[in-house]
C-alpha atoms as a PDB file:
ATOM      1  CA  MET A   1      30.361 -32.994  -7.972  1.00  0.00           C
ATOM      2  CA  ALA A   2      28.634 -31.151  -5.104  1.00  0.00           C
ATOM      3  CA  PHE A   3      24.966 -30.213  -5.354  1.00  0.00           C
ATOM      4  CA  ASN A   4      23.350 -27.291  -3.542  1.00  0.00           C
ATOM      5  CA  PHE A   5      20.092 -28.330  -1.868  1.00  0.00           C
ATOM      6  CA  ARG A   6      19.645 -25.213   0.320  1.00  0.00           C
ATOM      7  CA  LEU A   7      16.465 -23.161   0.145  1.00  0.00           C
ATOM      8  CA  GLY A   8      16.643 -20.883  -2.849  1.00  0.00           C
ATOM      9  CA  GLY A   9      18.751 -23.269  -4.937  1.00  0.00           C
ATOM     10  CA  ALA A  10      17.697 -24.956  -8.136  1.00  0.00           C
ATOM     11  CA  GLN A  11      14.338 -26.302  -6.991  1.00  0.00           C
ATOM     12  CA  GLY A  12      11.089 -26.845  -8.730  1.00  0.00           C
ATOM     13  CA  VAL A  13       7.493 -26.007  -8.080  1.00  0.00           C
ATOM     14  CA  GLY A  14       6.917 -29.043  -5.906  1.00  0.00           C
ATOM     15  CA  GLY A  15       9.793 -28.220  -3.577  1.00  0.00           C
ATOM     16  CA  ASN A  16      12.956 -30.152  -4.540  1.00  0.00           C
ATOM     17  CA  THR A  17      12.411 -31.130  -8.188  1.00  0.00           C
ATOM     18  CA  ARG A  18      11.361 -29.206 -11.220  1.00  0.00           C
ATOM     19  CA  ASN A  19       7.815 -29.636 -12.560  1.00  0.00           C
ATOM     20  CA  PRO A  20       7.931 -32.572 -14.977  1.00  0.00           C
ATOM     21  CA  THR A  21       5.089 -31.208 -17.140  1.00  0.00           C
ATOM     22  CA  ASN A  22       7.575 -28.818 -18.803  1.00  0.00           C
ATOM     23  CA  THR A  23       4.860 -26.585 -20.309  1.00  0.00           C
ATOM     24  CA  PRO A  24       5.526 -22.882 -20.938  1.00  0.00           C
ATOM     25  CA  ILE A  25       3.144 -21.887 -18.111  1.00  0.00           C
ATOM     26  CA  ALA A  26       4.769 -24.381 -15.740  1.00  0.00           C
ATOM     27  CA  ASP A  27       8.210 -23.031 -16.645  1.00  0.00           C
ATOM     28  CA  ILE A  28       7.100 -19.458 -15.935  1.00  0.00           C
ATOM     29  CA  ARG A  29       5.537 -20.552 -12.634  1.00  0.00           C
ATOM     30  CA  TYR A  30       8.806 -22.290 -11.729  1.00  0.00           C
ATOM     31  CA  ARG A  31      10.769 -19.147 -12.613  1.00  0.00           C
ATOM     32  CA  HIS A  32       8.591 -17.034 -10.277  1.00  0.00           C
ATOM     33  CA  ILE A  33       8.980 -19.452  -7.356  1.00  0.00           C
ATOM     34  CA  HIS A  34      12.720 -19.656  -7.977  1.00  0.00           C
ATOM     35  CA  SER A  35      12.920 -15.838  -7.921  1.00  0.00           C
ATOM     36  CA  LEU A  36      10.964 -15.739  -4.639  1.00  0.00           C
ATOM     37  CA  LYS A  37      13.325 -18.232  -3.007  1.00  0.00           C
ATOM     38  CA  GLU A  38      16.408 -16.399  -4.282  1.00  0.00           C
ATOM     39  CA  LYS A  39      15.331 -12.964  -3.074  1.00  0.00           C
ATOM     40  CA  CYS A  40      13.625 -13.863   0.241  1.00  0.00           C
ATOM     41  CA  ARG A  41      14.054 -16.110   3.254  1.00  0.00           C
ATOM     42  CA  VAL A  42      11.147 -18.388   2.395  1.00  0.00           C
ATOM     43  CA  GLU A  43       9.421 -21.036   4.495  1.00  0.00           C
ATOM     44  CA  VAL A  44       7.380 -23.469   2.397  1.00  0.00           C
ATOM     45  CA  GLU A  45       3.976 -24.274   3.880  1.00  0.00           C
ATOM     46  CA  THR A  46       2.479 -26.097   0.882  1.00  0.00           C
ATOM     47  CA  PRO A  47       4.953 -26.934  -1.910  1.00  0.00           C
ATOM     48  CA  GLY A  48       4.217 -24.944  -5.030  1.00  0.00           C
ATOM     49  CA  THR A  49       1.248 -23.097  -3.507  1.00  0.00           C
ATOM     50  CA  ASN A  50       1.745 -21.558  -0.054  1.00  0.00           C
ATOM     51  CA  PHE A  51       4.869 -19.770   1.179  1.00  0.00           C
ATOM     52  CA  ARG A  52       5.709 -17.620   4.185  1.00  0.00           C
ATOM     53  CA  VAL A  53       8.350 -14.885   4.444  1.00  0.00           C
ATOM     54  CA  PRO A  54       9.007 -13.879   8.081  1.00  0.00           C
ATOM     55  CA  PHE A  55      10.356 -10.409   8.867  1.00  0.00           C
ATOM     56  CA  GLN A  56      10.230  -7.836  11.656  1.00  0.00           C
ATOM     57  CA  VAL A  57       8.964  -4.267  11.879  1.00  0.00           C
ATOM     58  CA  ARG A  58       9.880  -2.247  14.987  1.00  0.00           C
ATOM     59  CA  GLY A  59      10.749  -5.459  16.806  1.00  0.00           C
ATOM     60  CA  LYS A  60       7.385  -7.061  16.090  1.00  0.00           C
ATOM     61  CA  PRO A  61       7.384 -10.353  14.113  1.00  0.00           C
ATOM     62  CA  LEU A  62       5.310 -10.374  10.929  1.00  0.00           C
ATOM     63  CA  ASN A  63       4.712 -12.878   8.140  1.00  0.00           C
ATOM     64  CA  LEU A  64       4.098 -12.081   4.513  1.00  0.00           C
ATOM     65  CA  LYS A  65       2.192 -15.098   3.219  1.00  0.00           C
ATOM     66  CA  VAL A  66       2.184 -15.872  -0.502  1.00  0.00           C
ATOM     67  CA  PHE A  67      -0.578 -17.951  -2.092  1.00  0.00           C
ATOM     68  CA  LEU A  68      -0.245 -18.989  -5.739  1.00  0.00           C
ATOM     69  CA  PRO A  69      -3.618 -19.856  -7.351  1.00  0.00           C
ATOM     70  CA  SER A  70      -3.874 -22.753  -9.782  1.00  0.00           C
ATOM     71  CA  ASN A  71      -3.928 -20.368 -12.751  1.00  0.00           C
ATOM     72  CA  PHE A  72      -0.873 -18.421 -11.549  1.00  0.00           C
ATOM     73  CA  PRO A  73       1.025 -16.652 -13.195  1.00  0.00           C
ATOM     74  CA  GLN A  74      -1.861 -15.738 -15.518  1.00  0.00           C
ATOM     75  CA  VAL A  75      -3.416 -14.130 -12.428  1.00  0.00           C
ATOM     76  CA  PRO A  76      -1.452 -12.304  -9.710  1.00  0.00           C
ATOM     77  CA  PRO A  77      -0.387 -13.982  -6.479  1.00  0.00           C
ATOM     78  CA  VAL A  78      -2.396 -13.387  -3.316  1.00  0.00           C
ATOM     79  CA  LEU A  79      -0.402 -11.801  -0.487  1.00  0.00           C
ATOM     80  CA  TYR A  80      -1.380 -11.629   3.180  1.00  0.00           C
ATOM     81  CA  LEU A  81       0.259  -9.778   6.078  1.00  0.00           C
ATOM     82  CA  THR A  82      -0.185 -11.713   9.326  1.00  0.00           C
ATOM     83  CA  GLY A  83       1.350 -12.040  12.770  1.00  0.00           C
ATOM     84  CA  GLN A  84       0.018  -8.910  14.501  1.00  0.00           C
ATOM     85  CA  PRO A  85      -3.297  -7.020  14.586  1.00  0.00           C
ATOM     86  CA  LEU A  86      -2.542  -3.922  12.527  1.00  0.00           C
ATOM     87  CA  LYS A  87      -3.793  -1.289  10.127  1.00  0.00           C
ATOM     88  CA  HIS A  88      -2.076  -0.172   6.927  1.00  0.00           C
ATOM     89  CA  PRO A  89      -3.370   1.519   3.755  1.00  0.00           C
ATOM     90  CA  TRP A  90      -2.303  -1.489   1.711  1.00  0.00           C
ATOM     91  CA  VAL A  91      -3.968  -4.092   3.936  1.00  0.00           C
ATOM     92  CA  GLU A  92      -7.603  -5.085   4.263  1.00  0.00           C
ATOM     93  CA  ASP A  93      -8.757  -4.940   7.875  1.00  0.00           C
ATOM     94  CA  SER A  94     -10.617  -8.245   7.802  1.00  0.00           C
ATOM     95  CA  LYS A  95      -8.131 -10.887   6.591  1.00  0.00           C
ATOM     96  CA  GLY A  96      -4.859  -9.006   6.231  1.00  0.00           C
ATOM     97  CA  ARG A  97      -4.918  -9.335   2.441  1.00  0.00           C
ATOM     98  CA  ILE A  98      -2.605  -6.908   0.658  1.00  0.00           C
ATOM     99  CA  VAL A  99      -4.608  -4.968  -1.938  1.00  0.00           C
ATOM    100  CA  GLY A 100      -2.799  -1.630  -2.279  1.00  0.00           C
ATOM    101  CA  CYS A 101       0.480  -2.734  -3.897  1.00  0.00           C
ATOM    102  CA  HIS A 102       0.615  -1.326  -7.425  1.00  0.00           C
ATOM    103  CA  LEU A 103       2.922  -4.150  -8.561  1.00  0.00           C
ATOM    104  CA  LEU A 104       0.086  -6.580  -7.823  1.00  0.00           C
ATOM    105  CA  GLN A 105      -2.411  -4.354  -9.609  1.00  0.00           C
ATOM    106  CA  GLU A 106      -0.117  -4.166 -12.661  1.00  0.00           C
ATOM    107  CA  TRP A 107       0.752  -7.890 -12.581  1.00  0.00           C
ATOM    108  CA  ASP A 108       1.385  -9.814 -15.783  1.00  0.00           C
ATOM    109  CA  MET A 109       3.243 -12.998 -16.616  1.00  0.00           C
ATOM    110  CA  ALA A 110       6.450 -11.043 -17.212  1.00  0.00           C
ATOM    111  CA  SER A 111       6.443  -9.716 -13.641  1.00  0.00           C
ATOM    112  CA  ASP A 112       8.854 -10.949 -10.979  1.00  0.00           C
ATOM    113  CA  LEU A 113       7.321 -12.584  -7.888  1.00  0.00           C
ATOM    114  CA  GLY A 114      10.489 -12.151  -5.816  1.00  0.00           C
ATOM    115  CA  ARG A 115      10.645  -8.466  -6.680  1.00  0.00           C
ATOM    116  CA  VAL A 116       6.979  -7.960  -5.768  1.00  0.00           C
ATOM    117  CA  VAL A 117       7.397  -9.618  -2.366  1.00  0.00           C
ATOM    118  CA  THR A 118      10.624  -7.753  -1.505  1.00  0.00           C
ATOM    119  CA  TYR A 119       9.019  -4.477  -2.576  1.00  0.00           C
ATOM    120  CA  ALA A 120       6.010  -5.136  -0.316  1.00  0.00           C
ATOM    121  CA  ILE A 121       8.252  -5.996   2.652  1.00  0.00           C
ATOM    122  CA  ARG A 122      10.314  -2.845   2.076  1.00  0.00           C
ATOM    123  CA  GLN A 123       7.116  -0.801   1.980  1.00  0.00           C
ATOM    124  CA  PHE A 124       5.986  -2.180   5.358  1.00  0.00           C
ATOM    125  CA  THR A 125       9.476  -1.599   6.772  1.00  0.00           C
ATOM    126  CA  ASP A 126       9.806   1.992   5.498  1.00  0.00           C
ATOM    127  CA  ASN A 127       6.174   2.871   6.261  1.00  0.00           C
ATOM    128  CA  PRO A 128       5.350   0.738   9.317  1.00  0.00           C
ATOM    129  CA  PRO A 129       1.733  -0.241   9.944  1.00  0.00           C
ATOM    130  CA  HIS A 130      -0.180   0.932  12.976  1.00  0.00           C
ATOM    131  CA  PHE A 131      -0.090  -1.952  15.435  1.00  0.00           C
ATOM    132  CA  LEU A 132      -3.344  -2.482  17.316  1.00  0.00           C
ATOM    133  CA  GLU A 133      -3.409  -3.609  20.940  1.00  0.00           C
ATOM    134  CA  SER A 134      -4.071  -7.335  21.151  1.00  0.00           C
ATOM    135  CA  GLU A 135      -6.680  -8.878  23.441  1.00  0.00           C
ATOM    136  CA  GLN A 136      -3.888 -10.065  25.718  1.00  0.00           C
ATOM    137  CA  GLY A 137      -2.462  -6.537  25.880  1.00  0.00           C
ATOM    138  CA  ARG A 138      -5.870  -5.123  26.670  1.00  0.00           C
ATOM    139  CA  GLY A 139      -6.208  -7.718  29.466  1.00  0.00           C
ATOM    140  CA  VAL A 140      -2.881  -6.623  30.920  1.00  0.00           C
ATOM    141  CA  SER A 141      -3.962  -2.993  30.742  1.00  0.00           C
ATOM    142  CA  ARG A 142      -7.231  -3.797  32.472  1.00  0.00           C
ATOM    143  CA  THR A 143      -5.335  -5.699  35.185  1.00  0.00           C
ATOM    144  CA  ILE A 144      -2.969  -2.777  35.773  1.00  0.00           C
ATOM    145  CA  HIS A 145      -5.895  -0.368  35.833  1.00  0.00           C
ATOM    146  CA  HIS A 146      -7.725  -2.612  38.305  1.00  0.00           C
ATOM    147  CA  GLN A 147      -4.630  -2.799  40.508  1.00  0.00           C
ATOM    148  CA  GLN A 148      -4.325   0.967  40.427  1.00  0.00           C
ATOM    149  CA  GLN A 149      -7.972   1.295  41.421  1.00  0.00           C
ATOM    150  CA  GLN A 150      -7.474  -1.188  44.253  1.00  0.00           C
ATOM    151  CA  HIS A 151      -4.427   0.757  45.431  1.00  0.00           C
ATOM    152  CA  HIS A 152      -6.459   3.960  45.329  1.00  0.00           C
ATOM    153  CA  VAL A 153      -9.281   2.350  47.298  1.00  0.00           C
ATOM    154  CA  SER A 154      -6.886   0.925  49.871  1.00  0.00           C
ATOM    155  CA  SER A 155      -5.179   4.287  50.225  1.00  0.00           C
ATOM    156  CA  SER A 156      -8.537   5.957  50.733  1.00  0.00           C
ATOM    157  CA  SER A 157      -9.659   3.303  53.201  1.00  0.00           C
ATOM    158  CA  ASP A 158      -6.651   4.101  55.412  1.00  0.00           C
ATOM    159  CA  HIS A 159      -8.316   7.402  56.239  1.00  0.00           C
ATOM    160  CA  LYS A 160     -11.851   6.147  56.812  1.00  0.00           C
ATOM    161  CA  LEU A 161     -13.386   6.575  60.215  1.00  0.00           C
ATOM    162  CA  PRO A 162     -13.730   3.335  62.189  1.00  0.00           C
ATOM    163  CA  PRO A 163     -17.215   1.782  62.301  1.00  0.00           C
ATOM    164  CA  LEU A 164     -19.519   2.778  65.137  1.00  0.00           C
ATOM    165  CA  PRO A 165     -19.270   0.392  68.109  1.00  0.00           C
ATOM    166  CA  ASP A 166     -22.230  -1.470  69.536  1.00  0.00           C
ATOM    167  CA  VAL A 167     -23.815   0.603  72.319  1.00  0.00           C
ATOM    168  CA  ASP A 168     -24.621  -2.472  74.397  1.00  0.00           C
ATOM    169  CA  SER A 169     -20.950  -3.458  74.470  1.00  0.00           C
ATOM    170  CA  LEU A 170     -19.989   0.018  75.675  1.00  0.00           C
ATOM    171  CA  ILE A 171     -22.267   0.016  78.678  1.00  0.00           C
ATOM    172  CA  ALA A 172     -22.092  -3.703  79.491  1.00  0.00           C
ATOM    173  CA  ASP A 173     -19.604  -3.137  82.311  1.00  0.00           C
ATOM    174  CA  LEU A 174     -21.401  -0.121  83.783  1.00  0.00           C
ATOM    175  CA  SER A 175     -23.657  -0.326  86.786  1.00  0.00           C
ATOM    176  CA  ILE A 176     -27.260   0.780  86.621  1.00  0.00           C
ATOM    177  CA  ASN A 177     -26.541   3.656  88.963  1.00  0.00           C
ATOM    178  CA  ARG A 178     -23.687   4.869  86.749  1.00  0.00           C
ATOM    179  CA  ILE A 179     -25.940   4.716  83.713  1.00  0.00           C
ATOM    180  CA  LYS A 180     -28.647   6.677  85.537  1.00  0.00           C
ATOM    181  CA  GLU A 181     -26.094   9.302  86.608  1.00  0.00           C
ATOM    182  CA  MET A 182     -24.898   9.780  82.999  1.00  0.00           C
ATOM    183  CA  SER A 183     -28.448   9.972  81.747  1.00  0.00           C
ATOM    184  CA  ASN A 184     -29.141  12.779  84.208  1.00  0.00           C
ATOM    185  CA  SER A 185     -25.830  14.635  83.616  1.00  0.00           C
ATOM    186  CA  GLU A 186     -24.550  15.764  80.235  1.00  0.00           C
ATOM    187  CA  ASP A 187     -21.103  16.413  81.645  1.00  0.00           C
ATOM    188  CA  LEU A 188     -20.746  12.856  82.881  1.00  0.00           C
ATOM    189  CA  LEU A 189     -22.005  11.533  79.553  1.00  0.00           C
ATOM    190  CA  SER A 190     -19.569  13.719  77.594  1.00  0.00           C
ATOM    191  CA  GLU A 191     -16.715  12.663  79.826  1.00  0.00           C
ATOM    192  CA  PHE A 192     -17.597   8.997  79.287  1.00  0.00           C
ATOM    193  CA  VAL A 193     -17.808   9.406  75.521  1.00  0.00           C
ATOM    194  CA  GLU A 194     -14.495  11.274  75.267  1.00  0.00           C
ATOM    195  CA  GLU A 195     -12.737   8.472  77.137  1.00  0.00           C
ATOM    196  CA  LEU A 196     -13.957   5.810  74.685  1.00  0.00           C
ATOM    197  CA  PRO A 197     -11.224   4.145  72.514  1.00  0.00           C
ATOM    198  CA  TYR A 198     -13.457   4.776  69.508  1.00  0.00           C
ATOM    199  CA  ILE A 199     -13.076   8.526  69.952  1.00  0.00           C
ATOM    200  CA  ASP A 200      -9.292   8.169  70.070  1.00  0.00           C
ATOM    201  CA  ASP A 201      -9.406   6.139  66.830  1.00  0.00           C
ATOM    202  CA  CYS A 202     -11.534   8.823  65.178  1.00  0.00           C
ATOM    203  CA  ASN A 203      -9.189  11.597  66.300  1.00  0.00           C
ATOM    204  CA  ASN A 204      -6.145   9.682  65.041  1.00  0.00           C
ATOM    205  CA  THR A 205      -7.852   9.092  61.694  1.00  0.00           C
ATOM    206  CA  ILE A 206      -8.691  12.780  61.358  1.00  0.00           C
ATOM    207  CA  LYS A 207      -5.109  13.761  62.183  1.00  0.00           C
ATOM    208  CA  SER A 208      -3.798  11.257  59.648  1.00  0.00           C
ATOM    209  CA  LEU A 209      -6.176  12.586  57.000  1.00  0.00           C
ATOM    210  CA  LYS A 210      -5.077  16.163  57.673  1.00  0.00           C
ATOM    211  CA  THR A 211      -1.433  15.129  57.379  1.00  0.00           C
ATOM    212  CA  HIS A 212      -2.201  13.312  54.131  1.00  0.00           C
ATOM    213  CA  LEU A 213      -3.973  16.349  52.673  1.00  0.00           C
ATOM    214  CA  ILE A 214      -1.068  18.590  53.664  1.00  0.00           C
ATOM    215  CA  ASP A 215       1.365  16.202  51.968  1.00  0.00           C
ATOM    216  CA  LEU A 216      -0.741  16.172  48.803  1.00  0.00           C
ATOM    217  CA  ALA A 217      -0.918  19.966  48.816  1.00  0.00           C
ATOM    218  CA  SER A 218       2.865  20.151  49.262  1.00  0.00           C
ATOM    219  CA  GLN A 219       3.407  17.731  46.385  1.00  0.00           C
ATOM    220  CA  ASN A 220       1.095  19.769  44.146  1.00  0.00           C
ATOM    221  CA  ILE A 221       2.934  22.964  45.052  1.00  0.00           C
ATOM    222  CA  SER A 222       6.319  21.325  44.452  1.00  0.00           C
ATOM    223  CA  MET A 223       5.180  20.117  41.003  1.00  0.00           C
ATOM    224  CA  GLU A 224       3.928  23.551  39.974  1.00  0.00           C
ATOM    225  CA  PRO A 225       7.358  24.742  38.665  1.00  0.00           C
ATOM    226  CA  ASP A 226       7.686  21.555  36.612  1.00  0.00           C
ATOM    227  CA  LEU A 227       4.189  22.066  35.255  1.00  0.00           C
ATOM    228  CA  THR A 228       4.970  25.678  34.400  1.00  0.00           C
ATOM    229  CA  ARG A 229       8.175  24.660  32.616  1.00  0.00           C
ATOM    230  CA  ALA A 230       6.286  21.958  30.710  1.00  0.00           C
ATOM    231  CA  LYS A 231       3.634  24.486  29.655  1.00  0.00           C
ATOM    232  CA  ASN A 232       6.304  26.944  28.501  1.00  0.00           C
ATOM    233  CA  ALA A 233       8.122  24.189  26.604  1.00  0.00           C
ATOM    234  CA  LEU A 234       4.866  23.154  24.934  1.00  0.00           C
ATOM    235  CA  LYS A 235       4.173  26.761  24.017  1.00  0.00           C
ATOM    236  CA  GLN A 236       7.637  27.084  22.474  1.00  0.00           C
ATOM    237  CA  VAL A 237       7.114  23.857  20.511  1.00  0.00           C
ATOM    238  CA  GLN A 238       3.771  25.144  19.234  1.00  0.00           C
ATOM    239  CA  GLU A 239       5.366  28.443  18.212  1.00  0.00           C
ATOM    240  CA  GLU A 240       8.200  26.569  16.479  1.00  0.00           C
ATOM    241  CA  ILE A 241       5.665  24.404  14.666  1.00  0.00           C
ATOM    242  CA  GLY A 242       3.830  27.541  13.559  1.00  0.00           C
ATOM    243  CA  ILE A 243       7.043  29.152  12.292  1.00  0.00           C
ATOM    244  CA  ARG A 244       8.103  26.025  10.416  1.00  0.00           C
ATOM    245  CA  SER A 245       4.611  25.587   9.002  1.00  0.00           C
ATOM    246  CA  ARG A 246       4.619  29.131   7.626  1.00  0.00           C
ATOM    247  CA  SER A 247       8.135  28.616   6.264  1.00  0.00           C
ATOM    248  CA  LEU A 248       7.026  25.388   4.612  1.00  0.00           C
ATOM    249  CA  GLN A 249       4.034  27.112   3.041  1.00  0.00           C
ATOM    250  CA  GLU A 250       6.281  29.869   1.677  1.00  0.00           C
ATOM    251  CA  LYS A 251       8.686  27.319   0.223  1.00  0.00           C
ATOM    252  CA  VAL A 252       5.820  25.356  -1.316  1.00  0.00           C
ATOM    253  CA  MET A 253       4.525  28.548  -2.918  1.00  0.00           C
ATOM    254  CA  GLN A 254       8.024  29.348  -4.199  1.00  0.00           C
ATOM    255  CA  GLN A 255       8.334  25.840  -5.564  1.00  0.00           C
ATOM    256  CA  GLN A 256       4.991  26.149  -7.305  1.00  0.00           C
ATOM    257  CA  ALA A 257       6.027  29.494  -8.790  1.00  0.00           C
ATOM    258  CA  LEU A 258       9.305  28.010 -10.041  1.00  0.00           C
ATOM    259  CA  ALA A 259       7.476  24.982 -11.396  1.00  0.00           C
ATOM    260  CA  GLU A 260       5.106  27.247 -13.323  1.00  0.00           C
ATOM    261  CA  GLN A 261       8.024  29.351 -14.529  1.00  0.00           C
ATOM    262  CA  PHE A 262      10.130  26.429 -15.701  1.00  0.00           C
ATOM    263  CA  ASN A 263       7.497  24.046 -16.973  1.00  0.00           C
ATOM    264  CA  PRO A 264       8.022  22.979 -20.623  1.00  0.00           C
ATOM    265  CA  GLU A 265       5.250  25.155 -22.068  1.00  0.00           C
ATOM    266  CA  ALA A 266       6.513  28.269 -20.289  1.00  0.00           C
ATOM    267  CA  ILE A 267      10.065  27.615 -21.522  1.00  0.00           C
ATOM    268  CA  VAL A 268       8.789  27.165 -25.097  1.00  0.00           C
ATOM    269  CA  HIS A 269       6.894  30.473 -24.946  1.00  0.00           C
ATOM    270  CA  THR A 270       9.919  32.268 -23.449  1.00  0.00           C
ATOM    271  CA  LEU A 271      12.246  30.945 -26.169  1.00  0.00           C
ATOM    272  CA  ALA A 272       9.746  31.958 -28.873  1.00  0.00           C
ATOM    273  CA  ALA A 273       9.509  35.465 -27.414  1.00  0.00           C
ATOM    274  CA  GLU A 274      13.313  35.784 -27.341  1.00  0.00           C
ATOM    275  CA  VAL A 275      13.482  34.680 -30.995  1.00  0.00           C
ATOM    276  CA  VAL A 276      10.981  37.378 -31.957  1.00  0.00           C
ATOM    277  CA  LYS A 277      12.882  39.969 -29.922  1.00  0.00           C
ATOM    278  CA  ALA A 278      16.194  39.100 -31.651  1.00  0.00           C
ATOM    279  CA  GLU A 279      14.503  39.195 -35.069  1.00  0.00           C
ATOM    280  CA  GLU A 280      13.032  42.646 -34.354  1.00  0.00           C
ATOM    281  CA  GLN A 281      16.462  43.885 -33.247  1.00  0.00           C
ATOM    282  CA  SER A 282      18.099  42.764 -36.503  1.00  0.00           C
ATOM    283  CA  GLU A 283      15.277  44.346 -38.545  1.00  0.00           C
ATOM    284  CA  HIS A 284      15.725  47.600 -36.613  1.00  0.00           C
ATOM    285  CA  ILE A 285      19.476  47.641 -37.411  1.00  0.00           C
ATOM    286  CA  LEU A 286      18.708  47.045 -41.094  1.00  0.00           C
ATOM    287  CA  SER A 287      16.047  49.783 -41.125  1.00  0.00           C
ATOM    288  CA  GLU A 288      18.448  52.315 -39.600  1.00  0.00           C
ATOM    289  CA  PHE A 289      21.098  51.424 -42.204  1.00  0.00           C
ATOM    290  CA  ARG A 290      18.622  52.030 -45.045  1.00  0.00           C
ATOM    291  CA  ASP A 291      17.504  55.389 -43.672  1.00  0.00           C
ATOM    292  CA  ASP A 292      21.052  56.666 -43.029  1.00  0.00           C
ATOM    293  CA  SER A 293      22.325  58.916 -45.837  1.00  0.00           C
ATOM    294  CA  GLN A 294      25.957  58.262 -44.965  1.00  0.00           C
ATOM    295  CA  PRO A 295      25.962  54.852 -43.317  1.00  0.00           C
ATOM    296  CA  ASP A 296      28.964  53.221 -41.678  1.00  0.00           C
ATOM    297  CA  VAL A 297      29.061  49.982 -43.610  1.00  0.00           C
ATOM    298  CA  ALA A 298      31.621  48.257 -41.400  1.00  0.00           C
ATOM    299  CA  ALA A 299      29.692  49.036 -38.202  1.00  0.00           C
ATOM    300  CA  PHE A 300      26.423  47.973 -39.875  1.00  0.00           C
ATOM    301  CA  VAL A 301      27.878  44.634 -41.000  1.00  0.00           C
ATOM    302  CA  LYS A 302      29.283  43.958 -37.538  1.00  0.00           C
ATOM    303  CA  ASN A 303      26.069  44.845 -35.671  1.00  0.00           C
ATOM    304  CA  TYR A 304      23.730  43.207 -38.184  1.00  0.00           C
ATOM    305  CA  ARG A 305      25.786  40.014 -38.238  1.00  0.00           C
ATOM    306  CA  ALA A 306      25.795  39.815 -34.420  1.00  0.00           C
ATOM    307  CA  ALA A 307      22.018  40.399 -34.295  1.00  0.00           C
ATOM    308  CA  LYS A 308      21.261  37.727 -36.929  1.00  0.00           C
ATOM    309  CA  LEU A 309      23.648  35.295 -35.210  1.00  0.00           C
ATOM    310  CA  LEU A 310      21.773  35.825 -31.949  1.00  0.00           C
ATOM    311  CA  GLU A 311      18.434  35.368 -33.741  1.00  0.00           C
ATOM    312  CA  HIS A 312      19.432  32.114 -35.439  1.00  0.00           C
ATOM    313  CA  SER A 313      21.033  30.812 -32.233  1.00  0.00           C
ATOM    314  CA  ARG A 314      17.832  31.383 -30.278  1.00  0.00           C
ATOM    315  CA  ARG A 315      15.714  29.918 -33.066  1.00  0.00           C
ATOM    316  CA  LEU A 316      17.894  26.792 -33.094  1.00  0.00           C
ATOM    317  CA  LYS A 317      17.656  26.452 -29.303  1.00  0.00           C
ATOM    318  CA  SER A 318      13.875  26.762 -29.479  1.00  0.00           C
ATOM    319  CA  LYS A 319      13.679  24.118 -32.212  1.00  0.00           C
ATOM    320  CA  LEU A 320      15.928  21.670 -30.375  1.00  0.00           C
ATOM    321  CA  TYR A 321      14.042  22.113 -27.089  1.00  0.00           C
ATOM    322  CA  ARG A 322      10.684  21.540 -28.803  1.00  0.00           C
ATOM    323  CA  LYS A 323      12.077  18.396 -30.352  1.00  0.00           C
ATOM    324  CA  SER A 324      13.433  17.159 -27.021  1.00  0.00           C
ATOM    325  CA  ILE A 325      10.017  17.428 -25.334  1.00  0.00           C
ATOM    326  CA  GLY A 326       8.083  16.154 -28.331  1.00  0.00           C
ATOM    327  CA  MET A 327       6.315  19.381 -29.254  1.00  0.00           C
END
C-alpha cells in the first residue's frame, strides 16, 4: 500500500503525525491545520505553530505568515503580511499584522483556517497594497540623482571661462624696455593682451556657450508642438472625465430613485393602494346598478365579476408579498 507524505496530506499538528492527545480541541486544531495545508502551498516554520504561505502580487514576492497561539482555535489565528514594505487598509503599519479581515474578526471554532488564509491572499491579490520604496531603492534613486547632478555640473563646467593666468608668468619673457613701452602705450598693451592664449580660450568658450544656448533654444522650440499636443490631450482627458463624472452622478441619482421606488415598503404601499382602487371600482359598479331603474343584469354581472376578480387578485398579491418579506 502506498502512503502519501507530501505537504497537505494526512499530517498532524506536529508535522508528520497526528496529535496523540486526541482531545476535542486538539482534533479541531488538527482539522484547521489540515485545511490550511490542503488549500495553500504551506511552508512549515515551527511545526504546529508557525506557517508561511508565499505568493506574489504584481511580481513582488510576499509571505502570509500564520501563527497559531496555544489556545487556538478558541482564539483566532494571528496573520502577518511580510516580504515588502507596504501599506494596506487591512495591515498595521508597524509589524504587518493583518487586522482588517472580517473572517478573523468573526472567528469561532467552527471557522476554516484554510478558507480564511485563501480569502486574505485573494484580497491582497485583487486589491494590491501600496508598495513603499525600500531603503535600497531610495539609495539607488539618490545615486541616480547624484549622477544626474554630476552630469549637469560637468556640462556646465564645459562652458566656464578658464582661470586667470599668473601675471608674472605672462611678462617673464618680456624685456624691461618692452614692459615700459606697454605701460606708456595703451595700444601696445591692448595688442599684447589680445595676442595672449588666454584670450583665445575665453573667446572659444564664449562661442561654445552661444552655440550651446542656441541648441537649447532650438530644442525648446522643437518640443513646443509636442507640449501643445500633450496639453490638448490632457484637456480632452479632463473634459472626458468631467463628462463621465456627470454621467455617473446622473446614473447614481437614477439608481437611488429606482431603489426608493422599488424598495419593499414602497411596493407594499403601492399594492395596498391598487387594492383600494380596485375595491372602489367594484363598489362604483354596484352603486350604478342599484341606482339604474332598468339595469342590464348581464352587463352588470360581467363588469362586477371582473372588478371583484381584479380586487381579490391584487389583495392576494399584496398578502403574498408581505408574507415573503416578513411584514
